[in-house]
PDB file of N, CA and C in Angstrom:
ATOM      1  N   UNK A   1       0.697  -1.128  -0.069  1.00  0.00           N
ATOM      2  CA  UNK A   1       0.105   0.163   0.058  1.00  0.00           C
ATOM      3  C   UNK A   1       0.695   1.223  -0.167  1.00  0.00           C
ATOM      4  N   UNK A   2       0.436   2.560  -0.100  1.00  0.00           N
ATOM      5  CA  UNK A   2       0.995   3.614  -0.279  1.00  0.00           C
ATOM      6  C   UNK A   2       1.345   4.134   1.237  1.00  0.00           C
ATOM      7  N   UNK A   3       2.479   4.907   1.129  1.00  0.00           N
ATOM      8  CA  UNK A   3       3.098   5.559   2.615  1.00  0.00           C
ATOM      9  C   UNK A   3       2.307   6.684   2.712  1.00  0.00           C
ATOM     10  N   UNK A   4       1.966   7.608   1.917  1.00  0.00           N
ATOM     11  CA  UNK A   4       1.610   8.830   1.880  1.00  0.00           C
ATOM     12  C   UNK A   4       0.222   9.248   1.152  1.00  0.00           C
ATOM     13  N   UNK A   5      -0.727   9.771   1.610  1.00  0.00           N
ATOM     14  CA  UNK A   5      -2.081   9.858   1.045  1.00  0.00           C
ATOM     15  C   UNK A   5      -2.431  11.421   0.634  1.00  0.00           C
ATOM     16  N   UNK A   6      -3.041  11.737  -0.254  1.00  0.00           N
ATOM     17  CA  UNK A   6      -3.600  13.079  -0.688  1.00  0.00           C
ATOM     18  C   UNK A   6      -5.046  13.051  -1.405  1.00  0.00           C
ATOM     19  N   UNK A   7      -5.440  14.288  -1.104  1.00  0.00           N
ATOM     20  CA  UNK A   7      -6.869  14.333  -1.750  1.00  0.00           C
ATOM     21  C   UNK A   7      -6.366  15.610  -2.652  1.00  0.00           C
ATOM     22  N   UNK A   8      -6.880  15.496  -4.025  1.00  0.00           N
ATOM     23  CA  UNK A   8      -6.633  16.476  -5.087  1.00  0.00           C
ATOM     24  C   UNK A   8      -7.935  17.148  -5.338  1.00  0.00           C
ATOM     25  N   UNK A   9      -8.105  18.681  -5.228  1.00  0.00           N
ATOM     26  CA  UNK A   9      -9.143  19.381  -5.646  1.00  0.00           C
ATOM     27  C   UNK A   9      -8.674  19.905  -7.189  1.00  0.00           C
ATOM     28  N   UNK A  10      -9.678  19.746  -8.009  1.00  0.00           N
ATOM     29  CA  UNK A  10      -9.649  20.369  -9.284  1.00  0.00           C
ATOM     30  C   UNK A  10     -10.170  21.773  -8.948  1.00  0.00           C
ATOM     31  N   UNK A  11      -9.150  22.761  -9.506  1.00  0.00           N
ATOM     32  CA  UNK A  11      -9.638  24.006  -9.357  1.00  0.00           C
ATOM     33  C   UNK A  11      -9.661  24.846 -10.588  1.00  0.00           C
ATOM     34  N   UNK A  12     -10.240  25.918 -10.775  1.00  0.00           N
ATOM     35  CA  UNK A  12     -10.203  26.858 -11.663  1.00  0.00           C
ATOM     36  C   UNK A  12      -8.788  27.620 -11.947  1.00  0.00           C
ATOM     37  N   UNK A  13      -8.381  27.925 -10.896  1.00  0.00           N
ATOM     38  CA  UNK A  13      -7.367  29.020 -10.688  1.00  0.00           C
ATOM     39  C   UNK A  13      -6.313  28.531  -9.714  1.00  0.00           C
ATOM     40  N   UNK A  14      -5.159  27.712  -9.876  1.00  0.00           N
ATOM     41  CA  UNK A  14      -4.571  27.177  -8.920  1.00  0.00           C
ATOM     42  C   UNK A  14      -3.884  28.075  -7.756  1.00  0.00           C
ATOM     43  N   UNK A  15      -3.251  29.419  -8.445  1.00  0.00           N
ATOM     44  CA  UNK A  15      -2.759  30.526  -7.333  1.00  0.00           C
ATOM     45  C   UNK A  15      -4.117  31.148  -6.631  1.00  0.00           C
ATOM     46  N   UNK A  16      -5.100  31.335  -7.272  1.00  0.00           N
ATOM     47  CA  UNK A  16      -6.342  31.912  -6.373  1.00  0.00           C
ATOM     48  C   UNK A  16      -6.888  30.905  -5.010  1.00  0.00           C
ATOM     49  N   UNK A  17      -6.812  29.426  -5.439  1.00  0.00           N
ATOM     50  CA  UNK A  17      -7.078  28.612  -4.616  1.00  0.00           C
ATOM     51  C   UNK A  17      -5.980  28.527  -3.495  1.00  0.00           C
ATOM     52  N   UNK A  18      -4.744  28.668  -3.980  1.00  0.00           N
ATOM     53  CA  UNK A  18      -3.641  28.541  -2.897  1.00  0.00           C
ATOM     54  C   UNK A  18      -3.643  29.764  -1.798  1.00  0.00           C
ATOM     55  N   UNK A  19      -4.096  30.803  -2.377  1.00  0.00           N
ATOM     56  CA  UNK A  19      -4.181  32.007  -1.427  1.00  0.00           C
ATOM     57  C   UNK A  19      -5.116  31.942  -0.518  1.00  0.00           C
ATOM     58  N   UNK A  20      -6.389  31.275  -1.031  1.00  0.00           N
ATOM     59  CA  UNK A  20      -7.487  31.132  -0.037  1.00  0.00           C
ATOM     60  C   UNK A  20      -7.292  29.857   0.946  1.00  0.00           C
ATOM     61  N   UNK A  21      -6.572  28.929   0.639  1.00  0.00           N
ATOM     62  CA  UNK A  21      -6.287  27.657   1.613  1.00  0.00           C
ATOM     63  C   UNK A  21      -5.378  28.469   2.610  1.00  0.00           C
ATOM     64  N   UNK A  22      -4.322  29.214   2.140  1.00  0.00           N
ATOM     65  CA  UNK A  22      -3.095  29.762   3.010  1.00  0.00           C
ATOM     66  C   UNK A  22      -3.897  30.597   4.131  1.00  0.00           C
ATOM     67  N   UNK A  23      -4.799  31.176   3.708  1.00  0.00           N
ATOM     68  CA  UNK A  23      -5.380  32.244   4.394  1.00  0.00           C
ATOM     69  C   UNK A  23      -6.383  31.557   5.767  1.00  0.00           C
ATOM     70  N   UNK A  24      -7.162  30.222   5.025  1.00  0.00           N
ATOM     71  CA  UNK A  24      -7.989  29.653   5.849  1.00  0.00           C
ATOM     72  C   UNK A  24      -7.075  28.661   6.825  1.00  0.00           C
ATOM     73  N   UNK A  25      -5.789  28.033   6.246  1.00  0.00           N
ATOM     74  CA  UNK A  25      -5.150  27.193   7.147  1.00  0.00           C
ATOM     75  C   UNK A  25      -4.016  27.763   7.942  1.00  0.00           C
ATOM     76  N   UNK A  26      -3.754  29.030   7.624  1.00  0.00           N
ATOM     77  CA  UNK A  26      -2.855  29.675   8.324  1.00  0.00           C
ATOM     78  C   UNK A  26      -1.248  28.877   8.140  1.00  0.00           C
ATOM     79  N   UNK A  27      -1.031  28.436   6.743  1.00  0.00           N
ATOM     80  CA  UNK A  27      -0.045  27.717   6.513  1.00  0.00           C
ATOM     81  C   UNK A  27       0.331  27.979   5.059  1.00  0.00           C
ATOM     82  N   UNK A  28       1.659  27.869   4.698  1.00  0.00           N
ATOM     83  CA  UNK A  28       1.952  28.121   3.154  1.00  0.00           C
ATOM     84  C   UNK A  28       1.900  26.676   2.588  1.00  0.00           C
ATOM     85  N   UNK A  29       1.831  26.574   1.375  1.00  0.00           N
ATOM     86  CA  UNK A  29       1.726  25.256   0.625  1.00  0.00           C
ATOM     87  C   UNK A  29       3.194  24.927   0.622  1.00  0.00           C
ATOM     88  N   UNK A  30       3.416  23.645   0.682  1.00  0.00           N
ATOM     89  CA  UNK A  30       4.876  23.038   0.348  1.00  0.00           C
ATOM     90  C   UNK A  30       5.200  22.923  -1.122  1.00  0.00           C
ATOM     91  N   UNK A  31       4.531  23.259  -1.672  1.00  0.00           N
ATOM     92  CA  UNK A  31       4.779  23.263  -3.276  1.00  0.00           C
ATOM     93  C   UNK A  31       3.820  24.156  -4.244  1.00  0.00           C
ATOM     94  N   UNK A  32       4.432  24.866  -4.822  1.00  0.00           N
ATOM     95  CA  UNK A  32       3.530  25.484  -5.882  1.00  0.00           C
ATOM     96  C   UNK A  32       3.965  25.581  -7.232  1.00  0.00           C
ATOM     97  N   UNK A  33       3.172  25.954  -8.095  1.00  0.00           N
ATOM     98  CA  UNK A  33       3.572  26.440  -9.542  1.00  0.00           C
ATOM     99  C   UNK A  33       2.277  27.193 -10.090  1.00  0.00           C
ATOM    100  N   UNK A  34       2.365  27.414 -11.302  1.00  0.00           N
ATOM    101  CA  UNK A  34       1.161  28.236 -11.924  1.00  0.00           C
ATOM    102  C   UNK A  34      -0.208  27.035 -12.299  1.00  0.00           C
ATOM    103  N   UNK A  35       0.254  25.844 -11.848  1.00  0.00           N
ATOM    104  CA  UNK A  35      -1.126  25.033 -12.112  1.00  0.00           C
ATOM    105  C   UNK A  35      -1.453  24.037 -10.780  1.00  0.00           C
ATOM    106  N   UNK A  36      -0.721  24.435  -9.799  1.00  0.00           N
ATOM    107  CA  UNK A  36      -0.721  23.255  -8.694  1.00  0.00           C
ATOM    108  C   UNK A  36      -0.092  23.884  -7.289  1.00  0.00           C
ATOM    109  N   UNK A  37      -0.663  23.379  -6.279  1.00  0.00           N
ATOM    110  CA  UNK A  37      -0.375  23.653  -5.039  1.00  0.00           C
ATOM    111  C   UNK A  37      -0.409  22.656  -3.924  1.00  0.00           C
ATOM    112  N   UNK A  38       0.350  22.224  -2.939  1.00  0.00           N
ATOM    113  CA  UNK A  38      -0.173  21.302  -2.196  1.00  0.00           C
ATOM    114  C   UNK A  38       0.381  21.626  -0.791  1.00  0.00           C
ATOM    115  N   UNK A  39      -0.561  21.359   0.069  1.00  0.00           N
ATOM    116  CA  UNK A  39      -0.337  21.584   1.380  1.00  0.00           C
ATOM    117  C   UNK A  39      -0.206  20.234   2.202  1.00  0.00           C
ATOM    118  N   UNK A  40       0.209  20.451   3.430  1.00  0.00           N
ATOM    119  CA  UNK A  40       0.454  19.122   4.063  1.00  0.00           C
ATOM    120  C   UNK A  40      -0.344  19.460   5.507  1.00  0.00           C
ATOM    121  N   UNK A  41      -1.470  18.981   5.582  1.00  0.00           N
ATOM    122  CA  UNK A  41      -2.473  19.015   6.885  1.00  0.00           C
ATOM    123  C   UNK A  41      -1.898  18.795   8.064  1.00  0.00           C
ATOM    124  N   UNK A  42      -2.076  19.065   9.279  1.00  0.00           N
ATOM    125  CA  UNK A  42      -1.636  18.586  10.614  1.00  0.00           C
ATOM    126  C   UNK A  42      -1.719  17.014  10.711  1.00  0.00           C
ATOM    127  N   UNK A  43      -2.548  16.467  10.058  1.00  0.00           N
ATOM    128  CA  UNK A  43      -2.879  15.096  10.165  1.00  0.00           C
ATOM    129  C   UNK A  43      -1.862  14.369   9.435  1.00  0.00           C
ATOM    130  N   UNK A  44      -1.184  15.087   8.427  1.00  0.00           N
ATOM    131  CA  UNK A  44      -0.328  14.491   7.363  1.00  0.00           C
ATOM    132  C   UNK A  44      -0.939  14.205   6.128  1.00  0.00           C
ATOM    133  N   UNK A  45      -2.121  14.471   5.860  1.00  0.00           N
ATOM    134  CA  UNK A  45      -2.498  14.222   4.601  1.00  0.00           C
ATOM    135  C   UNK A  45      -2.315  15.424   3.700  1.00  0.00           C
ATOM    136  N   UNK A  46      -1.962  15.269   2.499  1.00  0.00           N
ATOM    137  CA  UNK A  46      -1.473  16.072   1.535  1.00  0.00           C
ATOM    138  C   UNK A  46      -2.976  16.395   0.864  1.00  0.00           C
ATOM    139  N   UNK A  47      -3.070  17.949   0.667  1.00  0.00           N
ATOM    140  CA  UNK A  47      -4.255  18.826   0.010  1.00  0.00           C
ATOM    141  C   UNK A  47      -3.678  19.358  -1.222  1.00  0.00           C
ATOM    142  N   UNK A  48      -4.041  18.881  -2.181  1.00  0.00           N
ATOM    143  CA  UNK A  48      -3.544  19.172  -3.547  1.00  0.00           C
ATOM    144  C   UNK A  48      -4.457  20.149  -4.265  1.00  0.00           C
ATOM    145  N   UNK A  49      -4.020  21.336  -4.882  1.00  0.00           N
ATOM    146  CA  UNK A  49      -4.834  21.885  -5.821  1.00  0.00           C
ATOM    147  C   UNK A  49      -4.300  21.886  -7.081  1.00  0.00           C
ATOM    148  N   UNK A  50      -5.142  21.548  -7.845  1.00  0.00           N
ATOM    149  CA  UNK A  50      -4.870  21.153  -9.387  1.00  0.00           C
ATOM    150  C   UNK A  50      -5.521  21.963 -10.296  1.00  0.00           C
ATOM    151  N   UNK A  51      -5.236  23.027 -11.314  1.00  0.00           N
ATOM    152  CA  UNK A  51      -5.804  23.733 -12.291  1.00  0.00           C
ATOM    153  C   UNK A  51      -6.491  22.548 -13.249  1.00  0.00           C
ATOM    154  N   UNK A  52      -7.601  22.436 -13.478  1.00  0.00           N
ATOM    155  CA  UNK A  52      -8.381  21.612 -13.853  1.00  0.00           C
ATOM    156  C   UNK A  52      -8.217  21.586 -15.288  1.00  0.00           C
ATOM    157  N   UNK A  53      -7.585  22.689 -16.030  1.00  0.00           N
ATOM    158  CA  UNK A  53      -7.432  22.859 -17.427  1.00  0.00           C
ATOM    159  C   UNK A  53      -6.275  21.831 -17.916  1.00  0.00           C
ATOM    160  N   UNK A  54      -5.447  21.313 -17.037  1.00  0.00           N
ATOM    161  CA  UNK A  54      -4.545  20.609 -17.410  1.00  0.00           C
ATOM    162  C   UNK A  54      -4.472  19.068 -16.885  1.00  0.00           C
ATOM    163  N   UNK A  55      -5.612  18.359 -16.241  1.00  0.00           N
ATOM    164  CA  UNK A  55      -5.888  17.193 -15.634  1.00  0.00           C
ATOM    165  C   UNK A  55      -6.026  16.325 -16.624  1.00  0.00           C
ATOM    166  N   UNK A  56      -5.448  15.176 -16.831  1.00  0.00           N
ATOM    167  CA  UNK A  56      -5.992  14.148 -17.694  1.00  0.00           C
ATOM    168  C   UNK A  56      -6.110  13.018 -17.018  1.00  0.00           C
ATOM    169  N   UNK A  57      -7.307  12.403 -17.254  1.00  0.00           N
ATOM    170  CA  UNK A  57      -8.304  12.715 -18.178  1.00  0.00           C
ATOM    171  C   UNK A  57      -9.038  13.826 -17.535  1.00  0.00           C
ATOM    172  N   UNK A  58      -9.587  14.853 -18.411  1.00  0.00           N
ATOM    173  CA  UNK A  58     -10.332  15.944 -17.841  1.00  0.00           C
ATOM    174  C   UNK A  58     -11.356  15.459 -16.811  1.00  0.00           C
ATOM    175  N   UNK A  59     -11.660  16.184 -15.742  1.00  0.00           N
ATOM    176  CA  UNK A  59     -12.534  15.876 -14.559  1.00  0.00           C
ATOM    177  C   UNK A  59     -14.170  16.351 -15.318  1.00  0.00           C
ATOM    178  N   UNK A  60     -14.680  15.207 -14.702  1.00  0.00           N
ATOM    179  CA  UNK A  60     -16.191  15.743 -15.009  1.00  0.00           C
ATOM    180  C   UNK A  60     -17.043  16.511 -14.250  1.00  0.00           C
ATOM    181  N   UNK A  61     -16.668  16.232 -13.105  1.00  0.00           N
ATOM    182  CA  UNK A  61     -17.482  16.772 -11.852  1.00  0.00           C
ATOM    183  C   UNK A  61     -17.044  18.108 -11.369  1.00  0.00           C
ATOM    184  N   UNK A  62     -17.981  18.993 -10.604  1.00  0.00           N
ATOM    185  CA  UNK A  62     -17.409  20.353 -10.407  1.00  0.00           C
ATOM    186  C   UNK A  62     -17.390  20.135  -8.804  1.00  0.00           C
ATOM    187  N   UNK A  63     -17.023  21.393  -8.043  1.00  0.00           N
ATOM    188  CA  UNK A  63     -17.110  21.290  -6.615  1.00  0.00           C
ATOM    189  C   UNK A  63     -18.490  21.523  -6.011  1.00  0.00           C
ATOM    190  N   UNK A  64     -18.369  20.880  -5.056  1.00  0.00           N
ATOM    191  CA  UNK A  64     -19.827  20.980  -4.108  1.00  0.00           C
ATOM    192  C   UNK A  64     -20.631  19.686  -4.060  1.00  0.00           C
ATOM    193  N   UNK A  65     -19.704  18.498  -4.834  1.00  0.00           N
ATOM    194  CA  UNK A  65     -20.194  17.205  -4.735  1.00  0.00           C
ATOM    195  C   UNK A  65     -19.908  16.321  -3.507  1.00  0.00           C
ATOM    196  N   UNK A  66     -18.916  16.743  -2.834  1.00  0.00           N
ATOM    197  CA  UNK A  66     -18.570  16.149  -1.825  1.00  0.00           C
ATOM    198  C   UNK A  66     -17.914  17.099  -0.933  1.00  0.00           C
ATOM    199  N   UNK A  67     -17.256  16.535   0.400  1.00  0.00           N
ATOM    200  CA  UNK A  67     -16.909  17.645   1.478  1.00  0.00           C
ATOM    201  C   UNK A  67     -15.345  17.052   1.889  1.00  0.00           C
ATOM    202  N   UNK A  68     -14.779  17.771   2.132  1.00  0.00           N
ATOM    203  CA  UNK A  68     -13.516  17.614   3.242  1.00  0.00           C
ATOM    204  C   UNK A  68     -13.810  17.868   4.371  1.00  0.00           C
ATOM    205  N   UNK A  69     -13.480  17.086   5.422  1.00  0.00           N
ATOM    206  CA  UNK A  69     -13.962  17.400   6.722  1.00  0.00           C
ATOM    207  C   UNK A  69     -12.726  17.537   7.689  1.00  0.00           C
ATOM    208  N   UNK A  70     -12.646  18.674   8.411  1.00  0.00           N
ATOM    209  CA  UNK A  70     -11.848  19.179   9.339  1.00  0.00           C
ATOM    210  C   UNK A  70     -12.499  18.893  10.510  1.00  0.00           C
ATOM    211  N   UNK A  71     -11.734  17.715  11.386  1.00  0.00           N
ATOM    212  CA  UNK A  71     -12.295  17.429  12.556  1.00  0.00           C
ATOM    213  C   UNK A  71     -11.431  18.164  13.906  1.00  0.00           C
ATOM    214  N   UNK A  72     -12.387  18.925  14.871  1.00  0.00           N
ATOM    215  CA  UNK A  72     -11.720  19.489  15.911  1.00  0.00           C
ATOM    216  C   UNK A  72     -12.142  18.639  17.128  1.00  0.00           C
ATOM    217  N   UNK A  73     -11.698  19.067  18.224  1.00  0.00           N
ATOM    218  CA  UNK A  73     -11.904  18.495  19.646  1.00  0.00           C
ATOM    219  C   UNK A  73     -13.128  18.834  20.025  1.00  0.00           C
ATOM    220  N   UNK A  74     -13.582  20.003  20.151  1.00  0.00           N
ATOM    221  CA  UNK A  74     -14.685  20.526  20.882  1.00  0.00           C
ATOM    222  C   UNK A  74     -15.549  21.361  19.826  1.00  0.00           C
ATOM    223  N   UNK A  75     -17.031  21.356  20.584  1.00  0.00           N
ATOM    224  CA  UNK A  75     -17.806  22.496  19.851  1.00  0.00           C
ATOM    225  C   UNK A  75     -17.483  23.755  19.922  1.00  0.00           C
ATOM    226  N   UNK A  76     -16.888  24.155  20.906  1.00  0.00           N
ATOM    227  CA  UNK A  76     -16.175  25.720  21.028  1.00  0.00           C
ATOM    228  C   UNK A  76     -15.146  25.732  19.980  1.00  0.00           C
ATOM    229  N   UNK A  77     -14.443  24.689  19.451  1.00  0.00           N
ATOM    230  CA  UNK A  77     -13.440  24.973  18.589  1.00  0.00           C
ATOM    231  C   UNK A  77     -14.061  25.108  17.226  1.00  0.00           C
ATOM    232  N   UNK A  78     -15.360  24.320  16.946  1.00  0.00           N
ATOM    233  CA  UNK A  78     -15.830  24.706  15.778  1.00  0.00           C
ATOM    234  C   UNK A  78     -16.513  26.083  15.524  1.00  0.00           C
ATOM    235  N   UNK A  79     -17.012  26.424  16.757  1.00  0.00           N
ATOM    236  CA  UNK A  79     -17.328  28.062  16.822  1.00  0.00           C
ATOM    237  C   UNK A  79     -16.298  29.130  16.591  1.00  0.00           C
ATOM    238  N   UNK A  80     -15.161  28.806  16.919  1.00  0.00           N
ATOM    239  CA  UNK A  80     -14.159  29.691  17.047  1.00  0.00           C
ATOM    240  C   UNK A  80     -13.387  29.494  15.469  1.00  0.00           C
ATOM    241  N   UNK A  81     -13.392  28.468  14.939  1.00  0.00           N
ATOM    242  CA  UNK A  81     -13.101  28.332  13.495  1.00  0.00           C
ATOM    243  C   UNK A  81     -13.876  29.095  12.586  1.00  0.00           C
ATOM    244  N   UNK A  82     -15.093  28.812  12.819  1.00  0.00           N
ATOM    245  CA  UNK A  82     -16.335  29.490  12.121  1.00  0.00           C
ATOM    246  C   UNK A  82     -16.245  31.037  12.052  1.00  0.00           C
ATOM    247  N   UNK A  83     -16.047  31.539  13.453  1.00  0.00           N
ATOM    248  CA  UNK A  83     -15.813  32.974  13.670  1.00  0.00           C
ATOM    249  C   UNK A  83     -14.296  33.511  12.764  1.00  0.00           C
ATOM    250  N   UNK A  84     -13.348  32.778  12.760  1.00  0.00           N
ATOM    251  CA  UNK A  84     -12.083  32.684  12.272  1.00  0.00           C
ATOM    252  C   UNK A  84     -12.515  32.906  10.550  1.00  0.00           C
ATOM    253  N   UNK A  85     -12.835  31.937  10.228  1.00  0.00           N
ATOM    254  CA  UNK A  85     -12.880  31.898   8.753  1.00  0.00           C
ATOM    255  C   UNK A  85     -13.733  32.906   8.199  1.00  0.00           C
ATOM    256  N   UNK A  86     -14.787  33.175   8.975  1.00  0.00           N
ATOM    257  CA  UNK A  86     -15.946  34.265   8.560  1.00  0.00           C
ATOM    258  C   UNK A  86     -15.262  35.526   8.656  1.00  0.00           C
ATOM    259  N   UNK A  87     -14.311  35.939   9.567  1.00  0.00           N
ATOM    260  CA  UNK A  87     -13.774  37.024   9.672  1.00  0.00           C
ATOM    261  C   UNK A  87     -12.667  37.201   8.284  1.00  0.00           C
ATOM    262  N   UNK A  88     -12.063  36.295   7.798  1.00  0.00           N
ATOM    263  CA  UNK A  88     -11.171  36.290   6.954  1.00  0.00           C
ATOM    264  C   UNK A  88     -12.025  36.254   5.402  1.00  0.00           C
ATOM    265  N   UNK A  89     -13.369  36.249   5.311  1.00  0.00           N
ATOM    266  CA  UNK A  89     -14.027  36.472   4.164  1.00  0.00           C
ATOM    267  C   UNK A  89     -14.658  35.059   3.433  1.00  0.00           C
ATOM    268  N   UNK A  90     -14.253  33.911   4.316  1.00  0.00           N
ATOM    269  CA  UNK A  90     -14.945  32.643   3.781  1.00  0.00           C
ATOM    270  C   UNK A  90     -16.313  32.694   3.296  1.00  0.00           C
ATOM    271  N   UNK A  91     -16.920  31.947   2.569  1.00  0.00           N
ATOM    272  CA  UNK A  91     -18.229  31.864   1.920  1.00  0.00           C
ATOM    273  C   UNK A  91     -18.633  30.709   2.859  1.00  0.00           C
ATOM    274  N   UNK A  92     -19.555  31.030   3.900  1.00  0.00           N
ATOM    275  CA  UNK A  92     -20.105  30.018   4.733  1.00  0.00           C
ATOM    276  C   UNK A  92     -21.511  29.530   4.306  1.00  0.00           C
ATOM    277  N   UNK A  93     -21.666  28.640   3.842  1.00  0.00           N
ATOM    278  CA  UNK A  93     -22.695  28.139   3.504  1.00  0.00           C
ATOM    279  C   UNK A  93     -23.590  27.159   4.446  1.00  0.00           C
ATOM    280  N   UNK A  94     -23.209  26.932   5.505  1.00  0.00           N
ATOM    281  CA  UNK A  94     -24.025  26.421   6.776  1.00  0.00           C
ATOM    282  C   UNK A  94     -23.255  27.167   8.098  1.00  0.00           C
ATOM    283  N   UNK A  95     -24.136  27.923   8.850  1.00  0.00           N
ATOM    284  CA  UNK A  95     -23.629  28.211   9.948  1.00  0.00           C
ATOM    285  C   UNK A  95     -23.509  27.232  10.869  1.00  0.00           C
ATOM    286  N   UNK A  96     -22.927  27.315  12.118  1.00  0.00           N
ATOM    287  CA  UNK A  96     -22.598  26.198  13.268  1.00  0.00           C
ATOM    288  C   UNK A  96     -24.063  25.857  13.604  1.00  0.00           C
ATOM    289  N   UNK A  97     -24.249  24.572  13.800  1.00  0.00           N
ATOM    290  CA  UNK A  97     -25.306  23.963  14.084  1.00  0.00           C
ATOM    291  C   UNK A  97     -25.078  22.597  14.500  1.00  0.00           C
ATOM    292  N   UNK A  98     -25.959  22.331  15.756  1.00  0.00           N
ATOM    293  CA  UNK A  98     -25.780  20.957  16.237  1.00  0.00           C
ATOM    294  C   UNK A  98     -26.742  19.994  15.624  1.00  0.00           C
ATOM    295  N   UNK A  99     -25.848  18.799  14.867  1.00  0.00           N
ATOM    296  CA  UNK A  99     -26.501  17.816  14.169  1.00  0.00           C
ATOM    297  C   UNK A  99     -26.490  16.747  14.686  1.00  0.00           C
ATOM    298  N   UNK A 100     -26.876  15.550  14.207  1.00  0.00           N
ATOM    299  CA  UNK A 100     -27.275  14.144  14.800  1.00  0.00           C
ATOM    300  C   UNK A 100     -25.816  13.619  15.336  1.00  0.00           C
ATOM    301  N   UNK A 101     -24.524  13.966  14.513  1.00  0.00           N
ATOM    302  CA  UNK A 101     -23.403  13.441  15.025  1.00  0.00           C
ATOM    303  C   UNK A 101     -22.408  14.433  15.875  1.00  0.00           C
ATOM    304  N   UNK A 102     -23.059  15.796  16.014  1.00  0.00           N
ATOM    305  CA  UNK A 102     -21.999  16.794  16.633  1.00  0.00           C
ATOM    306  C   UNK A 102     -22.137  18.238  16.146  1.00  0.00           C
ATOM    307  N   UNK A 103     -21.353  18.990  16.689  1.00  0.00           N
ATOM    308  CA  UNK A 103     -21.396  20.277  15.978  1.00  0.00           C
ATOM    309  C   UNK A 103     -20.824  20.729  14.707  1.00  0.00           C
ATOM    310  N   UNK A 104     -21.173  21.250  13.907  1.00  0.00           N
ATOM    311  CA  UNK A 104     -20.579  21.546  12.660  1.00  0.00           C
ATOM    312  C   UNK A 104     -20.937  22.774  11.838  1.00  0.00           C
ATOM    313  N   UNK A 105     -19.996  23.275  11.039  1.00  0.00           N
ATOM    314  CA  UNK A 105     -20.388  24.473   9.696  1.00  0.00           C
ATOM    315  C   UNK A 105     -19.780  23.927   8.731  1.00  0.00           C
ATOM    316  N   UNK A 106     -20.278  24.581   7.622  1.00  0.00           N
ATOM    317  CA  UNK A 106     -19.701  24.286   6.425  1.00  0.00           C
ATOM    318  C   UNK A 106     -19.341  25.639   5.564  1.00  0.00           C
ATOM    319  N   UNK A 107     -18.175  25.474   5.172  1.00  0.00           N
ATOM    320  CA  UNK A 107     -17.795  26.798   4.251  1.00  0.00           C
ATOM    321  C   UNK A 107     -17.410  26.274   2.963  1.00  0.00           C
ATOM    322  N   UNK A 108     -17.334  27.111   1.758  1.00  0.00           N
ATOM    323  CA  UNK A 108     -17.100  26.595   0.515  1.00  0.00           C
ATOM    324  C   UNK A 108     -15.782  27.453   0.095  1.00  0.00           C
ATOM    325  N   UNK A 109     -15.002  26.733  -0.956  1.00  0.00           N
ATOM    326  CA  UNK A 109     -13.857  27.503  -1.382  1.00  0.00           C
ATOM    327  C   UNK A 109     -14.352  28.033  -2.714  1.00  0.00           C
ATOM    328  N   UNK A 110     -13.345  28.995  -3.405  1.00  0.00           N
ATOM    329  CA  UNK A 110     -13.638  29.582  -4.518  1.00  0.00           C
ATOM    330  C   UNK A 110     -14.334  28.755  -5.847  1.00  0.00           C
ATOM    331  N   UNK A 111     -14.242  27.297  -5.527  1.00  0.00           N
ATOM    332  CA  UNK A 111     -14.644  26.716  -6.903  1.00  0.00           C
ATOM    333  C   UNK A 111     -15.673  25.735  -6.268  1.00  0.00           C
ATOM    334  N   UNK A 112     -16.441  25.971  -4.900  1.00  0.00           N
ATOM    335  CA  UNK A 112     -17.468  25.593  -4.338  1.00  0.00           C
ATOM    336  C   UNK A 112     -17.521  24.189  -3.808  1.00  0.00           C
ATOM    337  N   UNK A 113     -15.916  23.610  -3.597  1.00  0.00           N
ATOM    338  CA  UNK A 113     -15.866  22.636  -2.615  1.00  0.00           C
ATOM    339  C   UNK A 113     -16.108  22.843  -1.174  1.00  0.00           C
ATOM    340  N   UNK A 114     -16.729  21.976  -0.575  1.00  0.00           N
ATOM    341  CA  UNK A 114     -17.262  22.106   0.641  1.00  0.00           C
ATOM    342  C   UNK A 114     -16.344  21.767   1.484  1.00  0.00           C
ATOM    343  N   UNK A 115     -16.219  22.461   2.662  1.00  0.00           N
ATOM    344  CA  UNK A 115     -15.168  22.357   3.929  1.00  0.00           C
ATOM    345  C   UNK A 115     -16.221  22.385   5.112  1.00  0.00           C
ATOM    346  N   UNK A 116     -16.109  21.035   5.647  1.00  0.00           N
ATOM    347  CA  UNK A 116     -16.916  20.873   6.947  1.00  0.00           C
ATOM    348  C   UNK A 116     -16.096  20.970   8.096  1.00  0.00           C
ATOM    349  N   UNK A 117     -16.148  21.713   9.149  1.00  0.00           N
ATOM    350  CA  UNK A 117     -15.463  21.670  10.456  1.00  0.00           C
ATOM    351  C   UNK A 117     -16.650  20.960  11.363  1.00  0.00           C
ATOM    352  N   UNK A 118     -16.050  20.173  12.011  1.00  0.00           N
ATOM    353  CA  UNK A 118     -16.973  19.322  12.817  1.00  0.00           C
ATOM    354  C   UNK A 118     -16.355  18.983  14.073  1.00  0.00           C
ATOM    355  N   UNK A 119     -17.240  18.447  15.198  1.00  0.00           N
ATOM    356  CA  UNK A 119     -16.855  17.810  16.048  1.00  0.00           C
ATOM    357  C   UNK A 119     -17.726  16.767  16.521  1.00  0.00           C
ATOM    358  N   UNK A 120     -17.421  15.400  17.161  1.00  0.00           N
ATOM    359  CA  UNK A 120     -18.162  14.337  17.366  1.00  0.00           C
ATOM    360  C   UNK A 120     -18.766  14.559  18.641  1.00  0.00           C
ATOM    361  N   UNK A 121     -20.041  14.239  18.968  1.00  0.00           N
ATOM    362  CA  UNK A 121     -20.676  14.267  20.166  1.00  0.00           C
ATOM    363  C   UNK A 121     -20.283  12.779  20.987  1.00  0.00           C
ATOM    364  N   UNK A 122     -20.093  13.106  22.159  1.00  0.00           N
ATOM    365  CA  UNK A 122     -19.666  11.938  22.939  1.00  0.00           C
ATOM    366  C   UNK A 122     -20.687  10.741  22.995  1.00  0.00           C
ATOM    367  N   UNK A 123     -21.906  11.436  22.679  1.00  0.00           N
ATOM    368  CA  UNK A 123     -23.290  10.356  22.560  1.00  0.00           C
ATOM    369  C   UNK A 123     -23.061   9.338  21.479  1.00  0.00           C
ATOM    370  N   UNK A 124     -22.475   9.815  20.337  1.00  0.00           N
ATOM    371  CA  UNK A 124     -22.482   9.184  19.049  1.00  0.00           C
ATOM    372  C   UNK A 124     -21.497   7.881  19.114  1.00  0.00           C
TER     373      UNK A 124
END
C-alpha cells in the first residue's frame, strides 16, 4: 500500500485557490506552480489544488459534490474556527449547528468545494 495519502481538488485557478487555503489554514503550501499547490495538513494528509485545465483525463465533476472534513476536538473549536473563517471572508454555506453526530459548519472554497468543520458528540 502507499506511504502517504493526498486529496486532489480540481480548481479553476490554482494560485487563487492556494491564497484562499493559505488564509484559512494559516500555512503556506509546500509546493506551488502556476497550475498546482500542495498543502500538508496537521494530520499528514496532503491537500493538492490542481488547475483543472491541465488534468488528464479531464475531470467531469465540479465542486460541491463532496466535502473535506476538518475534525476538531470541541464544539467551542467549531464555533471559534467559524468566527475565524468568517472574519477572513470565507463563504459560509451553513452556520454552526448541532447535528445528529455533533456540532458543525460548512464553508465553500472559490470553486464550491465544501469544507466541513466538525466535532463528534460523546453520545455518538
